Amino acid sequence: MTAESKNKLRSFPRVGRFIITFFFIALIVTAAIGYKLYTYIFNENVKTRHIIILPKGSTFNQVVDTLKTNDVLINYKAFAWVAKKKKYPENIKHGRYLLTPGMNSNEIVNILRAGIQEPVNMTFNNVRFKEELAGKVSHYIEADSASILSLFSDYKKIEQFGFTPETFNAMFIPNTYEFLWTTTAEEFANRMKNEFDRFWNEGRKMKAQKLGLAPVEVAILASIVREETNKSDELRRIAGVYLNRLERGIPLQADPTVKFATGNRALNRILNSHIEIDSPYNTYLYPGLPPGPINFPDIKAIEAVLNFEKHNFIYMCAREDFSGYHNFASTLAEHNRNAKKYRTALDKEKIFK
């Protein structure tokens, strides 16, 4: 064997060790990179339960800023890496999203990219004015109060829903409803029409029919009943008073309708000058129901009309103790005595208007 051959044989172990060492280092590096990528994708990445709102037109940088402002994530680099790999920056969907502890970057991106929103429970009640309704609703959905308020002047849409501008309030029944934050004003109106139709089932329609009233007319009367009292245990009795008057052809003479006609709901005392105001809402001057609801009557008030208390009362007057309750009467003489006691109490408290 030549010297050259001997040198080649001695070099093989060195080459082998080099190759083994190279592959071992490569394996370690690959494992390290793989582990880092795994942690980026699958490690928990939400600190605390949080709702985030992403407005329409949000950019990826704005999404990250929102997450940082609310201190939501543990590792923002991991989120950004996964988001870019899954092409989320090109597929941002606005909405209201719930992020909870235990979620990893992959899950976060999947929710945001798919637009899987967390619904919001919208509650509106004790609403008198359309401006008030628009303000309350706009707190729950993306549509602003101006766009919601514009519904009430969209006469073509109102007609399509089967209402008039005066009766349109009846379509919005106060309750708690589940909505997506991205709901538009038109979608809100469509949903309210569906809820109105669902509420007025055959059973309720039959009860209204027995009263000689359409569902909208029940809502009109319910709005007056609700305005008369905040005492739930008096609603059915007050409803009975007004239904008795309607049945006997007696003008309702409801003070809340006069307040509505004056535009001053803060009136504490109805004077002769008030009941002489020429308005179709003045039920002292005009018999029957006014043209539309004077507020947004709630379900309790509507049910009180449909399930009114049967009695012979045709008069009512606020109690002189200012408890919020009323004295009821079936004769004018009895009513005049009740009214005198109440006027005396007002005079004593120096309430003249």
Protein backbone atom coordinates (compact mmCIF):
# COMPACT_ATOMS: atom_id res chain seq x y z
CA MET A 1 0.00 0.00 0.00
CA THR A 2 1.35 3.36 -0.97
CA ALA A 3 1.70 6.30 1.42
CA GLU A 4 -0.98 8.18 -0.52
CA SER A 5 -3.47 5.37 0.00
CA LYS A 6 -2.71 5.27 3.70
CA ASN A 7 -3.37 9.04 4.02
CA LYS A 8 -6.78 8.68 2.27
CA LEU A 9 -7.82 5.94 4.63
CA ARG A 10 -6.84 8.05 7.64
CA SER A 11 -8.89 11.00 6.31
CA PHE A 12 -12.21 9.06 6.13
CA PRO A 13 -12.90 9.16 9.89
CA ARG A 14 -12.33 12.90 9.93
CA VAL A 15 -14.77 13.45 7.02
CA GLY A 16 -17.31 11.16 8.68
CA ARG A 17 -17.06 13.04 11.97
CA PHE A 18 -17.51 16.35 10.13
CA ILE A 19 -20.60 15.12 8.29
CA ILE A 20 -22.13 13.71 11.47
CA THR A 21 -21.37 16.91 13.36
CA PHE A 22 -22.87 19.03 10.54
CA PHE A 23 -26.08 17.03 10.44
CA PHE A 24 -26.31 17.03 14.23
CA ILE A 25 -25.98 20.83 14.36
CA ALA A 26 -28.48 21.17 11.49
CA LEU A 27 -30.88 18.94 13.36
CA ILE A 28 -30.56 21.04 16.51
CA VAL A 29 -31.08 24.29 14.56
CA THR A 30 -34.06 22.81 12.73
CA ALA A 31 -35.56 21.58 15.99
CA ALA A 32 -35.00 24.98 17.59
CA ILE A 33 -36.64 26.77 14.67
CA GLY A 34 -39.45 24.23 14.66
CA TYR A 35 -40.00 24.66 18.38
CA LYS A 36 -40.02 28.44 18.04
CA LEU A 37 -42.55 28.25 15.21
CA TYR A 38 -44.64 25.81 17.22
CA THR A 39 -44.69 28.16 20.20
CA TYR A 40 -45.53 31.08 17.90
CA ILE A 41 -48.50 29.19 16.54
CA PHE A 42 -49.80 27.13 19.46
CA ASN A 43 -48.65 28.76 22.71
CA GLU A 44 -51.35 30.55 24.72
CA ASN A 45 -51.31 34.20 23.68
CA VAL A 46 -54.17 36.00 25.46
CA LYS A 47 -53.64 37.62 28.87
CA THR A 48 -57.21 38.31 29.97
CA ARG A 49 -60.74 38.02 28.60
CA HIS A 50 -61.32 41.00 26.35
CA ILE A 51 -63.75 42.33 23.77
CA ILE A 52 -62.11 44.23 20.92
CA ILE A 53 -63.91 46.42 18.39
CA LEU A 54 -62.46 46.68 14.88
CA PRO A 55 -64.15 49.50 12.92
CA LYS A 56 -64.85 49.21 9.22
CA GLY A 57 -61.73 49.87 7.13
CA SER A 58 -59.26 48.89 9.86
CA THR A 59 -55.71 48.16 8.69
CA PHE A 60 -53.50 45.45 10.15
CA ASN A 61 -51.42 48.05 11.99
CA GLN A 62 -54.62 49.44 13.52
CA VAL A 63 -55.63 45.94 14.60
CA VAL A 64 -52.27 45.50 16.34
CA ASP A 65 -52.57 48.96 17.91
CA THR A 66 -56.01 48.05 19.27
CA LEU A 67 -54.62 44.86 20.79
CA LYS A 68 -51.69 46.74 22.33
CA THR A 69 -53.85 49.60 23.64
CA ASN A 70 -56.01 47.09 25.48
CA ASP A 71 -52.99 45.01 26.57
CA VAL A 72 -54.59 41.83 25.23
CA LEU A 73 -51.74 39.65 23.98
CA ILE A 74 -48.69 38.01 25.52
CA ASN A 75 -46.57 37.85 22.36
CA TYR A 76 -47.35 40.36 19.60
CA LYS A 77 -44.54 39.08 17.35
CA ALA A 78 -46.07 35.62 17.38
CA PHE A 79 -49.50 37.02 16.48
CA ALA A 80 -48.05 39.13 13.66
CA TRP A 81 -46.07 36.20 12.25
CA VAL A 82 -49.08 33.86 12.21
CA ALA A 83 -51.34 36.61 10.85
CA LYS A 84 -49.04 37.29 7.90
CA LYS A 85 -48.58 33.58 7.17
CA LYS A 86 -52.36 33.19 7.03
CA LYS A 87 -52.77 36.36 4.93
CA TYR A 88 -54.92 38.06 7.58
CA PRO A 89 -53.69 41.60 6.71
CA GLU A 90 -55.41 41.19 3.32
CA ASN A 91 -58.58 39.75 4.85
CA ILE A 92 -59.47 41.98 7.79
CA LYS A 93 -63.15 41.92 8.78
CA HIS A 94 -64.54 44.64 11.03
CA GLY A 95 -66.59 43.61 14.02
CA ARG A 96 -66.77 42.87 17.74
CA TYR A 97 -64.57 39.97 18.83
CA LEU A 98 -64.10 38.07 22.09
CA LEU A 99 -60.58 36.93 22.97
CA THR A 100 -60.14 34.69 26.01
CA PRO A 101 -57.23 33.18 27.94
CA GLY A 102 -56.20 29.84 26.48
CA MET A 103 -56.42 31.02 22.88
CA ASN A 104 -53.26 30.74 20.81
CA SER A 105 -52.20 32.93 17.89
CA ASN A 106 -53.60 30.46 15.38
CA GLU A 107 -57.03 30.52 17.02
CA ILE A 108 -57.01 34.32 17.33
CA VAL A 109 -56.20 34.78 13.66
CA ASN A 110 -58.80 32.20 12.63
CA ILE A 111 -61.53 34.03 14.55
CA LEU A 112 -60.57 37.45 13.22
CA ARG A 113 -60.02 36.26 9.65
CA ALA A 114 -63.35 34.41 9.54
CA GLY A 115 -65.22 37.32 11.12
CA ILE A 116 -66.63 35.19 13.95
CA GLN A 117 -68.10 37.97 16.07
CA GLU A 118 -69.26 37.97 19.66
CA PRO A 119 -72.95 39.05 19.64
CA VAL A 120 -74.09 41.91 21.84
CA ASN A 121 -77.26 41.95 23.93
CA MET A 122 -79.08 45.17 23.11
CA THR A 123 -81.58 46.43 25.67
CA PHE A 124 -83.75 49.48 25.22
CA ASN A 125 -86.68 50.43 27.44
CA ASN A 126 -88.24 53.51 29.07
CA VAL A 127 -87.89 55.27 25.72
CA ARG A 128 -90.06 58.27 24.90
CA PHE A 129 -88.46 59.94 21.91
CA LYS A 130 -87.05 58.62 18.65
CA GLU A 131 -83.86 60.58 19.38
CA GLU A 132 -83.60 58.69 22.65
CA LEU A 133 -84.05 55.35 20.88
CA ALA A 134 -81.40 56.22 18.28
CA GLY A 135 -78.95 57.20 21.02
CA LYS A 136 -79.47 54.00 23.01
CA VAL A 137 -79.28 51.67 20.03
CA SER A 138 -76.13 53.30 18.65
CA HIS A 139 -74.29 52.30 21.84
CA TYR A 140 -74.70 48.65 20.87
CA ILE A 141 -74.11 48.56 17.11
CA GLU A 142 -71.84 50.18 14.56
CA ALA A 143 -74.65 52.29 13.03
CA ASP A 144 -74.57 55.80 14.48
CA SER A 145 -77.56 57.63 15.95
CA ALA A 146 -77.95 59.83 12.86
CA SER A 147 -78.40 56.84 10.55
CA ILE A 148 -80.86 55.23 12.96
CA LEU A 149 -82.79 58.49 13.30
CA SER A 150 -82.99 58.77 9.51
CA LEU A 151 -85.21 55.66 9.54
CA PHE A 152 -88.02 57.79 10.96
CA SER A 153 -87.97 60.13 7.96
CA ASP A 154 -87.68 57.40 5.33
CA TYR A 155 -91.38 57.47 4.48
CA LYS A 156 -91.05 54.99 1.63
CA LYS A 157 -89.44 52.42 3.94
CA ILE A 158 -92.01 53.13 6.67
CA GLU A 159 -94.79 52.47 4.18
CA GLN A 160 -93.12 49.24 3.05
CA PHE A 161 -93.13 48.07 6.65
CA GLY A 162 -96.88 48.74 6.80
CA PHE A 163 -96.83 51.79 9.08
CA THR A 164 -97.35 55.53 8.87
CA PRO A 165 -94.88 58.10 10.20
CA GLU A 166 -97.22 58.53 13.20
CA THR A 167 -97.50 54.80 14.01
CA PHE A 168 -93.90 53.80 13.22
CA ASN A 169 -92.94 53.86 16.93
CA ALA A 170 -95.15 50.81 17.46
CA MET A 171 -92.75 48.66 15.42
CA PHE A 172 -89.95 49.08 17.98
CA ILE A 173 -90.96 46.96 20.95
CA PRO A 174 -88.62 47.54 23.93
CA ASN A 175 -86.88 44.36 24.99
CA THR A 176 -83.45 42.69 24.99
CA TYR A 177 -82.27 41.50 21.58
CA GLU A 178 -79.09 39.82 20.35
CA PHE A 179 -77.33 41.69 17.55
CA LEU A 180 -73.98 41.69 15.81
CA TRP A 181 -72.04 44.90 16.31
CA THR A 182 -71.74 45.33 12.53
CA THR A 183 -75.54 45.74 12.19
CA THR A 184 -76.54 48.66 9.95
CA ALA A 185 -79.49 50.97 10.57
CA GLU A 186 -81.49 49.24 7.83
CA GLU A 187 -80.68 45.79 9.25
CA PHE A 188 -81.77 47.00 12.68
CA ALA A 189 -85.11 48.20 11.26
CA ASN A 190 -85.65 44.92 9.39
CA ARG A 191 -84.98 42.97 12.57
CA MET A 192 -87.44 45.11 14.53
CA LYS A 193 -90.12 44.45 11.93
CA ASN A 194 -89.48 40.71 12.25
CA GLU A 195 -89.67 40.99 16.04
CA PHE A 196 -92.92 42.97 15.77
CA ASP A 197 -94.44 40.25 13.57
CA ARG A 198 -93.18 37.54 15.93
CA PHE A 199 -94.60 39.32 18.98
CA TRP A 200 -98.00 39.78 17.39
CA ASN A 201 -98.81 36.11 17.15
CA GLU A 202 -102.31 34.77 16.53
CA GLY A 203 -103.11 34.68 20.24
CA ARG A 204 -102.37 38.36 20.77
CA LYS A 205 -104.07 39.34 17.52
CA MET A 206 -107.24 37.56 18.65
CA LYS A 207 -107.20 39.41 21.98
CA ALA A 208 -106.78 42.72 20.16
CA GLN A 209 -109.61 41.83 17.80
CA LYS A 210 -111.93 41.17 20.74
CA LEU A 211 -111.18 44.72 21.90
CA GLY A 212 -111.99 46.03 18.45
CA LEU A 213 -108.41 47.20 18.03
CA ALA A 214 -105.60 46.52 15.57
CA PRO A 215 -102.13 45.72 16.98
CA VAL A 216 -100.95 49.27 16.26
CA GLU A 217 -103.97 50.70 18.10
CA VAL A 218 -103.17 48.49 21.09
CA ALA A 219 -99.66 49.97 21.04
CA ILE A 220 -101.11 53.51 20.92
CA LEU A 221 -103.29 52.87 23.96
CA ALA A 222 -100.42 51.07 25.72
CA SER A 223 -98.23 54.14 25.22
CA ILE A 224 -100.80 56.26 27.08
CA VAL A 225 -101.18 53.67 29.85
CA ARG A 226 -97.41 53.49 30.29
CA GLU A 227 -97.11 57.28 30.41
CA GLU A 228 -99.77 57.43 33.14
CA THR A 229 -97.87 55.29 35.63
CA ASN A 230 -94.64 53.53 36.50
CA LYS A 231 -96.54 51.27 38.88
CA SER A 232 -96.80 47.87 37.22
CA ASP A 233 -99.66 46.78 39.46
CA GLU A 234 -101.83 49.65 38.14
CA LEU A 235 -101.31 49.12 34.42
CA ARG A 236 -104.23 46.73 33.85
CA ARG A 237 -106.66 48.90 35.83
CA ILE A 238 -105.69 52.06 33.91
CA ALA A 239 -106.02 50.15 30.65
CA GLY A 240 -109.53 49.18 31.75
CA VAL A 241 -110.45 52.84 32.35
CA TYR A 242 -109.50 53.88 28.83
CA LEU A 243 -111.10 50.84 27.21
CA ASN A 244 -114.34 51.63 29.10
CA ARG A 245 -114.24 55.18 27.77
CA LEU A 246 -113.61 54.00 24.20
CA GLU A 247 -116.46 51.51 24.44
CA ARG A 248 -118.87 54.18 25.71
CA GLY A 249 -117.74 56.79 23.21
CA ILE A 250 -116.31 59.08 25.88
CA PRO A 251 -113.20 61.10 24.93
CA LEU A 252 -110.10 59.64 26.57
CA GLN A 253 -109.13 62.99 28.12
CA ALA A 254 -105.69 61.56 28.86
CA ASP A 255 -103.29 64.11 30.32
CA PRO A 256 -100.20 62.42 28.78
CA THR A 257 -101.56 63.11 25.30
CA VAL A 258 -101.94 66.79 26.18
CA LYS A 259 -98.35 66.92 27.40
CA PHE A 260 -97.30 65.32 24.12
CA ALA A 261 -99.31 67.88 22.16
CA THR A 262 -97.68 70.77 24.03
CA GLY A 263 -94.20 69.29 23.56
CA ASN A 264 -93.62 69.73 27.29
CA ARG A 265 -93.67 66.37 29.09
CA ALA A 266 -92.41 67.99 32.26
CA LEU A 267 -95.80 69.60 32.94
CA ASN A 268 -96.97 68.78 36.46
CA ARG A 269 -100.33 70.45 36.15
CA ILE A 270 -102.68 70.45 33.18
CA LEU A 271 -104.46 73.80 32.81
CA ASN A 272 -107.47 74.82 30.70
CA SER A 273 -105.09 76.53 28.28
CA HIS A 274 -103.38 73.18 27.67
CA ILE A 275 -106.54 71.19 26.94
CA GLU A 276 -107.58 73.80 24.37
CA ILE A 277 -104.52 73.17 22.18
CA ASP A 278 -105.66 72.13 18.72
CA SER A 279 -103.76 68.92 18.07
CA PRO A 280 -104.92 65.47 16.96
CA TYR A 281 -103.01 64.20 19.99
CA ASN A 282 -105.19 66.26 22.35
CA THR A 283 -107.68 63.63 23.51
CA TYR A 284 -109.69 66.28 25.34
CA LEU A 285 -110.62 67.81 21.97
CA TYR A 286 -110.48 64.79 19.66
CA PRO A 287 -112.38 61.57 20.45
CA GLY A 288 -110.85 58.13 20.09
CA LEU A 289 -107.17 57.27 19.96
CA PRO A 290 -104.48 59.75 18.89
CA PRO A 291 -102.74 59.17 15.51
CA GLY A 292 -99.81 57.23 16.95
CA PRO A 293 -97.98 56.13 20.12
CA ILE A 294 -96.70 58.94 22.33
CA ASN A 295 -93.68 56.84 23.32
CA PHE A 296 -92.31 53.35 22.73
CA PRO A 297 -94.66 51.20 24.86
CA ASP A 298 -93.07 48.20 26.53
CA ILE A 299 -94.40 44.65 26.60
CA LYS A 300 -95.88 45.06 30.11
CA ALA A 301 -98.01 47.97 28.94
CA ILE A 302 -99.10 46.15 25.78
CA GLU A 303 -100.01 43.05 27.77
CA ALA A 304 -101.90 45.23 30.26
CA VAL A 305 -104.15 46.45 27.44
CA LEU A 306 -104.67 42.97 26.03
CA ASN A 307 -105.40 41.59 29.51
CA PHE A 308 -107.08 44.66 31.02
CA GLU A 309 -108.84 44.66 34.37
CA LYS A 310 -112.62 44.53 34.03
CA HIS A 311 -114.37 47.16 36.15
CA ASN A 312 -116.77 50.11 35.87
CA PHE A 313 -114.25 52.93 36.36
CA ILE A 314 -114.23 55.68 33.73
CA TYR A 315 -112.29 58.29 35.71
CA MET A 316 -108.89 58.39 37.32
CA CYS A 317 -106.86 61.03 39.12
CA ALA A 318 -103.42 61.01 40.70
CA ARG A 319 -103.49 60.46 44.45
CA GLU A 320 -102.98 63.46 46.66
CA ASP A 321 -100.10 61.71 48.49
CA PHE A 322 -97.94 61.88 45.31
CA SER A 323 -97.26 58.15 45.64
CA GLY A 324 -97.58 57.65 41.91
CA TYR A 325 -100.80 55.72 42.35
CA HIS A 326 -104.29 56.85 41.32
CA ASN A 327 -107.79 57.17 42.70
CA PHE A 328 -110.42 55.65 40.41
CA ALA A 329 -114.08 56.53 40.08
CA SER A 330 -117.15 55.40 38.18
CA THR A 331 -119.14 58.64 38.65
CA LEU A 332 -118.29 62.24 37.87
CA ALA A 333 -119.18 63.36 41.39
CA GLU A 334 -116.72 60.91 42.91
CA HIS A 335 -114.06 61.92 40.40
CA ASN A 336 -114.56 65.62 41.19
CA ARG A 337 -113.95 64.89 44.88
CA ASN A 338 -110.73 63.02 44.00
CA ALA A 339 -109.62 65.81 41.66
CA LYS A 340 -110.26 68.45 44.33
CA LYS A 341 -108.06 66.58 46.83
CA TYR A 342 -105.27 66.39 44.25
CA ARG A 343 -105.53 70.08 43.29
CA THR A 344 -105.42 71.04 46.97
CA ALA A 345 -102.24 68.97 47.40
CA LEU A 346 -100.68 70.68 44.37
CA ASP A 347 -101.57 74.11 45.76
CA LYS A 348 -100.08 73.20 49.12
CA GLU A 349 -96.82 72.20 47.43
CA LYS A 350 -96.97 75.37 45.30
CA ILE A 351 -97.05 73.38 42.08
CA PHE A 352 -98.87 75.63 39.65
CA LYS A 353 -97.58 74.40 36.29
